[in-house]
């Protein structure tokens, strides 16, 4: 934590918009991570070793990853079927629903509505749709591989 106290880091995170609970969690992870890397906390090392070897913790991690991959696999299969049928706008809605934020979903549904009404998609709307697709397809691939999504990763290392 760059020579900041735990309380200073919590305050900094709160000033950046995190809730107190989130700020404490993030600061705690950073502090623990720093101690483990420095090799200065035998308790933390023992805890991590226990979590890595504990059969229950291992099973929970495996089930969690399998569940994420299964969900992503179903979405991936639908995405692939849509691509084969040239249904790119439907994919934008599909991915926005599962991996995007509220703005992505509203935008994708609005574009889908315009596309359906006109029978084609105007170029300007196609560009917006494609930006959503490109960004969210990365999230689909990350989920399929069992990697954290961008938001989770940002919360941990941000």
N, C-alpha and C. Protein backbone atom coordinates (compact mmCIF):
# COMPACT_ATOMS: atom_id res chain seq x y z
N UNK A 1 0.81 -1.20 0.00
CA UNK A 1 0.00 0.00 0.00
C UNK A 1 0.85 1.26 0.00
N UNK A 2 2.04 1.19 -0.48
CA UNK A 2 2.91 2.36 -0.63
C UNK A 2 3.05 3.18 0.64
N UNK A 3 3.39 2.53 1.74
CA UNK A 3 3.67 3.18 3.03
C UNK A 3 2.48 4.00 3.57
N UNK A 4 1.27 3.69 3.15
CA UNK A 4 0.08 4.33 3.71
C UNK A 4 -0.44 3.42 4.81
N UNK A 5 -1.05 4.03 5.79
CA UNK A 5 -1.68 3.21 6.82
C UNK A 5 -2.97 2.64 6.25
N UNK A 6 -3.45 1.65 6.93
CA UNK A 6 -4.71 1.03 6.54
C UNK A 6 -5.83 2.08 6.52
N UNK A 7 -5.91 2.88 7.57
CA UNK A 7 -6.96 3.91 7.67
C UNK A 7 -6.84 4.95 6.55
N UNK A 8 -5.61 5.33 6.19
CA UNK A 8 -5.42 6.29 5.10
C UNK A 8 -5.91 5.71 3.78
N UNK A 9 -5.62 4.43 3.56
CA UNK A 9 -6.05 3.79 2.31
C UNK A 9 -7.57 3.68 2.26
N UNK A 10 -8.20 3.34 3.39
CA UNK A 10 -9.66 3.27 3.44
C UNK A 10 -10.25 4.64 3.11
N UNK A 11 -9.70 5.68 3.72
CA UNK A 11 -10.19 7.04 3.46
C UNK A 11 -10.01 7.41 2.00
N UNK A 12 -8.87 7.06 1.43
CA UNK A 12 -8.61 7.36 0.01
C UNK A 12 -9.64 6.67 -0.89
N UNK A 13 -9.93 5.41 -0.60
CA UNK A 13 -10.90 4.66 -1.39
C UNK A 13 -12.31 5.24 -1.25
N UNK A 14 -12.65 5.65 -0.04
CA UNK A 14 -13.96 6.27 0.18
C UNK A 14 -14.06 7.59 -0.59
N UNK A 15 -12.98 8.35 -0.62
CA UNK A 15 -12.96 9.61 -1.38
C UNK A 15 -13.13 9.36 -2.87
N UNK A 16 -12.70 8.18 -3.33
CA UNK A 16 -12.82 7.82 -4.74
C UNK A 16 -14.21 7.27 -5.07
N UNK A 17 -15.07 7.12 -4.05
CA UNK A 17 -16.44 6.70 -4.30
C UNK A 17 -16.80 5.32 -3.80
N UNK A 18 -15.87 4.60 -3.19
CA UNK A 18 -16.20 3.29 -2.64
C UNK A 18 -16.99 3.46 -1.35
N UNK A 19 -17.86 2.49 -1.08
CA UNK A 19 -18.54 2.50 0.22
C UNK A 19 -17.52 2.13 1.28
N UNK A 20 -17.85 2.36 2.53
CA UNK A 20 -16.94 2.03 3.62
C UNK A 20 -16.62 0.55 3.62
N UNK A 21 -17.64 -0.28 3.41
CA UNK A 21 -17.45 -1.73 3.39
C UNK A 21 -16.50 -2.15 2.27
N UNK A 22 -16.74 -1.62 1.05
CA UNK A 22 -15.87 -1.94 -0.09
C UNK A 22 -14.45 -1.45 0.17
N UNK A 23 -14.33 -0.24 0.71
CA UNK A 23 -13.01 0.34 0.98
C UNK A 23 -12.24 -0.52 1.97
N UNK A 24 -12.91 -0.97 3.02
CA UNK A 24 -12.25 -1.83 4.01
C UNK A 24 -11.83 -3.15 3.39
N UNK A 25 -12.69 -3.75 2.56
CA UNK A 25 -12.35 -5.02 1.91
C UNK A 25 -11.14 -4.86 1.00
N UNK A 26 -11.15 -3.82 0.19
CA UNK A 26 -10.04 -3.59 -0.75
C UNK A 26 -8.74 -3.34 0.00
N UNK A 27 -8.79 -2.48 1.03
CA UNK A 27 -7.59 -2.17 1.81
C UNK A 27 -7.07 -3.42 2.51
N UNK A 28 -7.98 -4.25 2.98
CA UNK A 28 -7.58 -5.47 3.67
C UNK A 28 -6.87 -6.42 2.71
N UNK A 29 -7.42 -6.57 1.50
CA UNK A 29 -6.79 -7.43 0.49
C UNK A 29 -5.42 -6.88 0.12
N UNK A 30 -5.32 -5.58 -0.09
CA UNK A 30 -4.03 -4.97 -0.45
C UNK A 30 -3.01 -5.15 0.67
N UNK A 31 -3.45 -4.96 1.91
CA UNK A 31 -2.55 -5.11 3.05
C UNK A 31 -2.06 -6.55 3.17
N UNK A 32 -2.99 -7.50 3.07
CA UNK A 32 -2.64 -8.91 3.16
C UNK A 32 -1.72 -9.31 2.02
N UNK A 33 -2.04 -8.85 0.81
CA UNK A 33 -1.23 -9.16 -0.36
C UNK A 33 0.19 -8.62 -0.19
N UNK A 34 0.30 -7.40 0.33
CA UNK A 34 1.61 -6.81 0.57
C UNK A 34 2.41 -7.60 1.58
N UNK A 35 1.76 -8.05 2.64
CA UNK A 35 2.45 -8.83 3.68
C UNK A 35 2.89 -10.19 3.14
N UNK A 36 2.05 -10.79 2.32
CA UNK A 36 2.41 -12.09 1.75
C UNK A 36 3.61 -11.94 0.82
N UNK A 37 3.57 -10.91 -0.04
CA UNK A 37 4.68 -10.68 -0.97
C UNK A 37 5.97 -10.37 -0.22
N UNK A 38 5.86 -9.63 0.86
CA UNK A 38 7.04 -9.28 1.65
C UNK A 38 7.50 -10.45 2.51
N UNK A 39 6.65 -11.45 2.65
CA UNK A 39 6.99 -12.60 3.47
C UNK A 39 6.99 -12.29 4.95
N UNK A 40 6.25 -11.24 5.35
CA UNK A 40 6.32 -10.80 6.74
C UNK A 40 5.16 -11.27 7.59
N UNK A 41 4.24 -12.02 7.05
CA UNK A 41 3.09 -12.44 7.84
C UNK A 41 2.91 -13.96 7.74
N UNK A 42 3.46 -14.70 8.70
CA UNK A 42 3.35 -16.17 8.64
C UNK A 42 1.90 -16.64 8.73
N UNK A 43 1.06 -15.90 9.48
CA UNK A 43 -0.35 -16.27 9.59
C UNK A 43 -1.01 -16.20 8.23
N UNK A 44 -0.73 -15.14 7.47
CA UNK A 44 -1.33 -14.97 6.15
C UNK A 44 -0.86 -16.09 5.21
N UNK A 45 0.43 -16.41 5.29
CA UNK A 45 0.95 -17.50 4.45
C UNK A 45 0.26 -18.82 4.79
N UNK A 46 0.09 -19.08 6.07
CA UNK A 46 -0.56 -20.32 6.50
C UNK A 46 -2.02 -20.35 6.04
N UNK A 47 -2.69 -19.22 6.14
CA UNK A 47 -4.09 -19.14 5.72
C UNK A 47 -4.21 -19.43 4.22
N UNK A 48 -3.37 -18.80 3.42
CA UNK A 48 -3.41 -19.02 1.97
C UNK A 48 -3.10 -20.48 1.65
N UNK A 49 -2.08 -21.03 2.30
CA UNK A 49 -1.72 -22.44 2.06
C UNK A 49 -2.88 -23.35 2.42
N UNK A 50 -3.55 -23.05 3.54
CA UNK A 50 -4.69 -23.85 3.97
C UNK A 50 -5.84 -23.76 2.97
N UNK A 51 -6.11 -22.56 2.50
CA UNK A 51 -7.20 -22.38 1.53
C UNK A 51 -6.90 -23.09 0.22
N UNK A 52 -5.62 -23.14 -0.15
CA UNK A 52 -5.26 -23.82 -1.40
C UNK A 52 -5.37 -25.33 -1.27
N UNK A 53 -5.12 -25.86 -0.06
CA UNK A 53 -5.12 -27.31 0.10
C UNK A 53 -6.39 -27.85 0.75
N UNK A 54 -7.20 -26.99 1.35
CA UNK A 54 -8.42 -27.42 2.02
C UNK A 54 -9.38 -28.01 0.99
N UNK A 55 -9.80 -29.28 1.18
CA UNK A 55 -10.65 -29.93 0.18
C UNK A 55 -11.99 -29.21 -0.04
N UNK A 56 -12.55 -28.65 1.01
CA UNK A 56 -13.82 -27.94 0.86
C UNK A 56 -13.62 -26.67 0.06
N UNK A 57 -12.57 -25.91 0.39
CA UNK A 57 -12.30 -24.68 -0.35
C UNK A 57 -11.98 -24.98 -1.81
N UNK A 58 -11.23 -26.05 -2.05
CA UNK A 58 -10.88 -26.44 -3.42
C UNK A 58 -12.15 -26.81 -4.18
N UNK A 59 -13.04 -27.59 -3.55
CA UNK A 59 -14.29 -27.99 -4.20
C UNK A 59 -15.16 -26.77 -4.51
N UNK A 60 -15.26 -25.85 -3.57
CA UNK A 60 -16.06 -24.64 -3.79
C UNK A 60 -15.50 -23.84 -4.96
N UNK A 61 -14.17 -23.67 -5.02
CA UNK A 61 -13.56 -22.94 -6.13
C UNK A 61 -13.84 -23.64 -7.46
N UNK A 62 -13.70 -24.97 -7.47
CA UNK A 62 -13.93 -25.73 -8.70
C UNK A 62 -15.39 -25.62 -9.14
N UNK A 63 -16.32 -25.74 -8.18
CA UNK A 63 -17.74 -25.63 -8.52
C UNK A 63 -18.08 -24.24 -9.03
N UNK A 64 -17.50 -23.24 -8.39
CA UNK A 64 -17.75 -21.87 -8.80
C UNK A 64 -17.25 -21.63 -10.22
N UNK A 65 -16.04 -22.10 -10.51
CA UNK A 65 -15.48 -21.94 -11.86
C UNK A 65 -16.29 -22.73 -12.89
N UNK A 66 -16.70 -23.95 -12.52
CA UNK A 66 -17.49 -24.77 -13.44
C UNK A 66 -18.83 -24.11 -13.72
N UNK A 67 -19.45 -23.58 -12.68
CA UNK A 67 -20.74 -22.90 -12.86
C UNK A 67 -20.59 -21.70 -13.78
N UNK A 68 -19.54 -20.92 -13.59
CA UNK A 68 -19.30 -19.74 -14.43
C UNK A 68 -19.07 -20.17 -15.87
N UNK A 69 -18.27 -21.25 -16.06
CA UNK A 69 -17.99 -21.72 -17.42
C UNK A 69 -19.25 -22.27 -18.08
N UNK A 70 -20.09 -22.99 -17.30
CA UNK A 70 -21.32 -23.55 -17.86
C UNK A 70 -22.25 -22.44 -18.31
N UNK A 71 -22.42 -21.43 -17.47
CA UNK A 71 -23.26 -20.29 -17.85
C UNK A 71 -22.70 -19.59 -19.07
N UNK A 72 -21.41 -19.39 -19.07
CA UNK A 72 -20.76 -18.73 -20.20
C UNK A 72 -20.84 -19.61 -21.44
N UNK A 73 -20.77 -20.94 -21.26
CA UNK A 73 -20.85 -21.84 -22.41
C UNK A 73 -22.20 -21.74 -23.09
N UNK A 74 -23.27 -21.64 -22.31
CA UNK A 74 -24.61 -21.51 -22.90
C UNK A 74 -24.72 -20.19 -23.64
N UNK A 75 -24.21 -19.13 -23.05
CA UNK A 75 -24.23 -17.82 -23.70
C UNK A 75 -23.36 -17.85 -24.94
N UNK A 76 -22.19 -18.49 -24.82
CA UNK A 76 -21.28 -18.60 -25.96
C UNK A 76 -21.93 -19.36 -27.11
N UNK A 77 -22.65 -20.43 -26.79
CA UNK A 77 -23.32 -21.23 -27.83
C UNK A 77 -24.39 -20.39 -28.54
N UNK A 78 -25.17 -19.64 -27.75
CA UNK A 78 -26.19 -18.77 -28.35
C UNK A 78 -25.53 -17.69 -29.21
N UNK A 79 -24.44 -17.13 -28.70
CA UNK A 79 -23.69 -16.10 -29.43
C UNK A 79 -23.21 -16.66 -30.77
N UNK A 80 -22.68 -17.87 -30.74
CA UNK A 80 -22.17 -18.50 -31.97
C UNK A 80 -23.30 -18.74 -32.97
N UNK A 81 -24.47 -19.23 -32.47
CA UNK A 81 -25.61 -19.45 -33.37
C UNK A 81 -26.05 -18.12 -33.99
N UNK A 82 -26.10 -17.07 -33.18
CA UNK A 82 -26.49 -15.76 -33.70
C UNK A 82 -25.50 -15.28 -34.77
N UNK A 83 -24.21 -15.46 -34.52
CA UNK A 83 -23.20 -15.03 -35.49
C UNK A 83 -23.35 -15.79 -36.81
N UNK A 84 -23.62 -17.08 -36.72
CA UNK A 84 -23.80 -17.89 -37.92
C UNK A 84 -24.99 -17.41 -38.74
N UNK A 85 -25.99 -16.83 -38.07
CA UNK A 85 -27.19 -16.34 -38.75
C UNK A 85 -27.15 -14.83 -38.97
N UNK A 86 -25.99 -14.22 -38.77
CA UNK A 86 -25.81 -12.79 -39.00
C UNK A 86 -26.67 -11.93 -38.08
N UNK A 87 -26.92 -12.39 -36.87
CA UNK A 87 -27.77 -11.67 -35.91
C UNK A 87 -26.89 -10.91 -34.91
N UNK A 88 -26.14 -9.96 -35.41
CA UNK A 88 -25.18 -9.23 -34.59
C UNK A 88 -25.88 -8.34 -33.55
N UNK A 89 -26.99 -7.73 -33.95
CA UNK A 89 -27.71 -6.87 -33.01
C UNK A 89 -28.26 -7.69 -31.86
N UNK A 90 -28.77 -8.88 -32.15
CA UNK A 90 -29.27 -9.76 -31.08
C UNK A 90 -28.13 -10.14 -30.13
N UNK A 91 -26.93 -10.32 -30.69
CA UNK A 91 -25.77 -10.62 -29.84
C UNK A 91 -25.43 -9.44 -28.94
N UNK A 92 -25.56 -8.24 -29.46
CA UNK A 92 -25.29 -7.06 -28.63
C UNK A 92 -26.23 -7.05 -27.43
N UNK A 93 -27.51 -7.37 -27.66
CA UNK A 93 -28.48 -7.42 -26.55
C UNK A 93 -28.14 -8.57 -25.61
N UNK A 94 -27.82 -9.74 -26.16
CA UNK A 94 -27.48 -10.91 -25.35
C UNK A 94 -26.29 -10.61 -24.43
N UNK A 95 -25.22 -10.07 -25.00
CA UNK A 95 -24.02 -9.80 -24.21
C UNK A 95 -24.24 -8.66 -23.22
N UNK A 96 -25.00 -7.64 -23.63
CA UNK A 96 -25.28 -6.53 -22.72
C UNK A 96 -26.08 -7.03 -21.52
N UNK A 97 -26.99 -7.95 -21.77
CA UNK A 97 -27.83 -8.50 -20.70
C UNK A 97 -26.98 -9.26 -19.67
N UNK A 98 -26.00 -9.99 -20.15
CA UNK A 98 -25.22 -10.86 -19.27
C UNK A 98 -23.91 -10.24 -18.77
N UNK A 99 -23.31 -9.36 -19.54
CA UNK A 99 -21.99 -8.86 -19.17
C UNK A 99 -21.89 -7.33 -19.12
N UNK A 100 -22.89 -6.65 -19.63
CA UNK A 100 -22.82 -5.20 -19.70
C UNK A 100 -23.45 -4.52 -18.50
N UNK A 101 -23.43 -3.20 -18.55
CA UNK A 101 -24.10 -2.43 -17.51
C UNK A 101 -25.47 -2.00 -18.04
N UNK A 102 -26.20 -1.25 -17.24
CA UNK A 102 -27.55 -0.83 -17.60
C UNK A 102 -27.54 -0.01 -18.89
N UNK A 103 -26.57 0.86 -19.03
CA UNK A 103 -26.47 1.70 -20.23
C UNK A 103 -26.25 0.85 -21.49
N UNK A 104 -25.41 -0.18 -21.38
CA UNK A 104 -25.19 -1.07 -22.52
C UNK A 104 -26.49 -1.74 -22.95
N UNK A 105 -27.24 -2.23 -21.96
CA UNK A 105 -28.48 -2.93 -22.27
C UNK A 105 -29.52 -2.00 -22.90
N UNK A 106 -29.69 -0.82 -22.33
CA UNK A 106 -30.64 0.15 -22.88
C UNK A 106 -30.25 0.54 -24.30
N UNK A 107 -28.97 0.80 -24.51
CA UNK A 107 -28.48 1.18 -25.84
C UNK A 107 -28.68 0.05 -26.84
N UNK A 108 -28.32 -1.16 -26.46
CA UNK A 108 -28.45 -2.31 -27.37
C UNK A 108 -29.92 -2.56 -27.72
N UNK A 109 -30.81 -2.46 -26.73
CA UNK A 109 -32.23 -2.67 -27.01
C UNK A 109 -32.80 -1.57 -27.90
N UNK A 110 -32.35 -0.34 -27.70
CA UNK A 110 -32.81 0.78 -28.55
C UNK A 110 -32.34 0.56 -29.99
N UNK A 111 -31.11 0.14 -30.15
CA UNK A 111 -30.58 -0.12 -31.50
C UNK A 111 -31.34 -1.29 -32.13
N UNK A 112 -31.63 -2.32 -31.33
CA UNK A 112 -32.39 -3.46 -31.85
C UNK A 112 -33.78 -3.01 -32.31
N UNK A 113 -34.41 -2.15 -31.55
CA UNK A 113 -35.73 -1.64 -31.92
C UNK A 113 -35.69 -0.88 -33.24
N UNK A 114 -34.70 -0.01 -33.38
CA UNK A 114 -34.54 0.76 -34.62
C UNK A 114 -34.25 -0.18 -35.79
N UNK A 115 -33.37 -1.15 -35.56
CA UNK A 115 -33.00 -2.13 -36.58
C UNK A 115 -34.25 -2.90 -37.05
N UNK A 116 -35.06 -3.33 -36.09
CA UNK A 116 -36.26 -4.09 -36.43
C UNK A 116 -37.29 -3.23 -37.16
N UNK A 117 -37.44 -1.99 -36.74
CA UNK A 117 -38.42 -1.09 -37.38
C UNK A 117 -38.03 -0.77 -38.82
N UNK A 118 -36.75 -0.51 -39.04
CA UNK A 118 -36.28 -0.13 -40.37
C UNK A 118 -36.01 -1.32 -41.28
N UNK A 119 -35.75 -2.46 -40.69
CA UNK A 119 -35.38 -3.63 -41.48
C UNK A 119 -33.90 -3.66 -41.82
N UNK A 120 -33.19 -2.65 -41.40
CA UNK A 120 -31.73 -2.59 -41.56
C UNK A 120 -31.20 -1.69 -40.44
N UNK A 121 -29.89 -1.67 -40.30
CA UNK A 121 -29.29 -0.85 -39.25
C UNK A 121 -28.51 0.29 -39.89
N UNK A 122 -28.85 1.53 -39.55
CA UNK A 122 -28.07 2.66 -40.06
C UNK A 122 -26.61 2.57 -39.59
N UNK A 123 -25.71 3.08 -40.41
CA UNK A 123 -24.28 2.96 -40.16
C UNK A 123 -23.88 3.50 -38.78
N UNK A 124 -24.40 4.65 -38.39
CA UNK A 124 -24.03 5.24 -37.10
C UNK A 124 -24.42 4.32 -35.94
N UNK A 125 -25.59 3.70 -36.05
CA UNK A 125 -26.02 2.78 -35.00
C UNK A 125 -25.21 1.48 -35.04
N UNK A 126 -24.82 1.08 -36.23
CA UNK A 126 -23.98 -0.11 -36.36
C UNK A 126 -22.64 0.09 -35.65
N UNK A 127 -22.08 1.28 -35.78
CA UNK A 127 -20.80 1.57 -35.13
C UNK A 127 -20.94 1.48 -33.60
N UNK A 128 -22.01 2.03 -33.06
CA UNK A 128 -22.24 1.97 -31.61
C UNK A 128 -22.43 0.52 -31.18
N UNK A 129 -23.26 -0.20 -31.94
CA UNK A 129 -23.51 -1.61 -31.62
C UNK A 129 -22.21 -2.42 -31.63
N UNK A 130 -21.38 -2.17 -32.63
CA UNK A 130 -20.13 -2.91 -32.74
C UNK A 130 -19.17 -2.60 -31.59
N UNK A 131 -19.16 -1.37 -31.11
CA UNK A 131 -18.33 -1.03 -29.95
C UNK A 131 -18.78 -1.81 -28.73
N UNK A 132 -20.08 -1.91 -28.54
CA UNK A 132 -20.62 -2.70 -27.41
C UNK A 132 -20.21 -4.17 -27.59
N UNK A 133 -20.39 -4.69 -28.79
CA UNK A 133 -20.06 -6.10 -29.05
C UNK A 133 -18.59 -6.40 -28.78
N UNK A 134 -17.71 -5.57 -29.31
CA UNK A 134 -16.28 -5.82 -29.16
C UNK A 134 -15.88 -5.84 -27.68
N UNK A 135 -16.38 -4.86 -26.93
CA UNK A 135 -16.03 -4.78 -25.51
C UNK A 135 -16.60 -5.96 -24.73
N UNK A 136 -17.85 -6.33 -25.00
CA UNK A 136 -18.49 -7.38 -24.20
C UNK A 136 -18.10 -8.79 -24.65
N UNK A 137 -17.66 -8.94 -25.89
CA UNK A 137 -17.16 -10.24 -26.32
C UNK A 137 -15.90 -10.61 -25.53
N UNK A 138 -15.11 -9.62 -25.16
CA UNK A 138 -13.94 -9.87 -24.31
C UNK A 138 -14.37 -10.42 -22.96
N UNK A 139 -15.46 -9.88 -22.42
CA UNK A 139 -15.97 -10.37 -21.13
C UNK A 139 -16.46 -11.81 -21.26
N UNK A 140 -17.09 -12.14 -22.39
CA UNK A 140 -17.55 -13.50 -22.62
C UNK A 140 -16.36 -14.46 -22.66
N UNK A 141 -15.31 -14.08 -23.34
CA UNK A 141 -14.12 -14.93 -23.42
C UNK A 141 -13.49 -15.08 -22.03
N UNK A 142 -13.40 -13.98 -21.27
CA UNK A 142 -12.86 -14.06 -19.92
C UNK A 142 -13.67 -15.02 -19.05
N UNK A 143 -14.99 -14.94 -19.15
CA UNK A 143 -15.87 -15.81 -18.36
C UNK A 143 -15.67 -17.26 -18.78
N UNK A 144 -15.56 -17.49 -20.07
CA UNK A 144 -15.37 -18.84 -20.58
C UNK A 144 -14.06 -19.44 -20.06
N UNK A 145 -13.05 -18.60 -19.92
CA UNK A 145 -11.75 -19.07 -19.44
C UNK A 145 -11.66 -19.08 -17.92
N UNK A 146 -12.72 -18.61 -17.25
CA UNK A 146 -12.71 -18.57 -15.80
C UNK A 146 -11.94 -17.40 -15.23
N UNK A 147 -11.72 -16.37 -16.04
CA UNK A 147 -11.01 -15.17 -15.58
C UNK A 147 -12.02 -14.18 -15.01
N UNK A 148 -11.57 -13.30 -14.12
CA UNK A 148 -12.51 -12.31 -13.59
C UNK A 148 -12.88 -11.30 -14.66
N UNK A 149 -14.08 -10.71 -14.53
CA UNK A 149 -14.43 -9.67 -15.49
C UNK A 149 -13.68 -8.40 -15.14
N UNK A 150 -13.73 -7.43 -16.04
CA UNK A 150 -12.94 -6.21 -15.88
C UNK A 150 -13.27 -5.49 -14.58
N UNK A 151 -14.55 -5.45 -14.21
CA UNK A 151 -14.94 -4.73 -13.00
C UNK A 151 -14.37 -5.41 -11.76
N UNK A 152 -14.47 -6.75 -11.69
CA UNK A 152 -13.93 -7.46 -10.54
C UNK A 152 -12.42 -7.28 -10.45
N UNK A 153 -11.75 -7.35 -11.60
CA UNK A 153 -10.31 -7.17 -11.64
C UNK A 153 -9.93 -5.77 -11.18
N UNK A 154 -10.69 -4.77 -11.61
CA UNK A 154 -10.42 -3.39 -11.22
C UNK A 154 -10.58 -3.22 -9.71
N UNK A 155 -11.61 -3.86 -9.13
CA UNK A 155 -11.83 -3.74 -7.69
C UNK A 155 -10.66 -4.33 -6.91
N UNK A 156 -10.05 -5.38 -7.44
CA UNK A 156 -8.95 -6.02 -6.72
C UNK A 156 -7.65 -5.28 -6.90
N UNK A 157 -7.32 -4.86 -8.13
CA UNK A 157 -6.00 -4.25 -8.35
C UNK A 157 -6.09 -2.75 -8.59
N UNK A 158 -7.31 -2.22 -8.81
CA UNK A 158 -7.54 -0.84 -9.17
C UNK A 158 -6.93 0.13 -8.27
